[in-house]
Amino acid sequence: MSKEIVKCEECGEEIAKEDILQYGGKILCEDCYIDEKMTLKACDPMGVRSAKGIEEMTGKSGVESLTEEQREIYEYIKSNHRATKEELANKFDLSEKEIENKFAILRRYELVKGKQINDKIYLVPFAE
């Protein structure tokens, strides 16, 4: 008896029908399901409040609390005064979803924000 195989609608991975997960009307593999459920939101007042609480508890600034990769992305945006998500995805070899999650963290620490410039959305240093 062979198992019925379906494809994940996000990544195309073949998965046994009994192992599928559904989210947002899509058939997903476990990895894509987790990615969908774990997406951070950039505009999140509770996230900002949590980040401020972490800074107060640890005595570390937002920059000091970042991972190395997050810090590199922040420094790139800061040194170039702006960057698009696509540019960052290419530069750091990450998916746009991964960049979106990194941006959410940087936004929570009020290090980076989105800004529309000439019909394009850029990530810019928060102070601008």
Foldseek 3Di string as FASTA:
>chain_A
DDFDWDAFPPPRDIDGPVQWDDDPRTTHHPVVVCLVVPQAAQPDPVLLVVLVVVCVVVVDALLRPDDPVLNVLLVVQAVVQKDALVRVCVVVVHDSSVSNRSNSSCSSSQQWDWDDDPNGIIIGGSVD
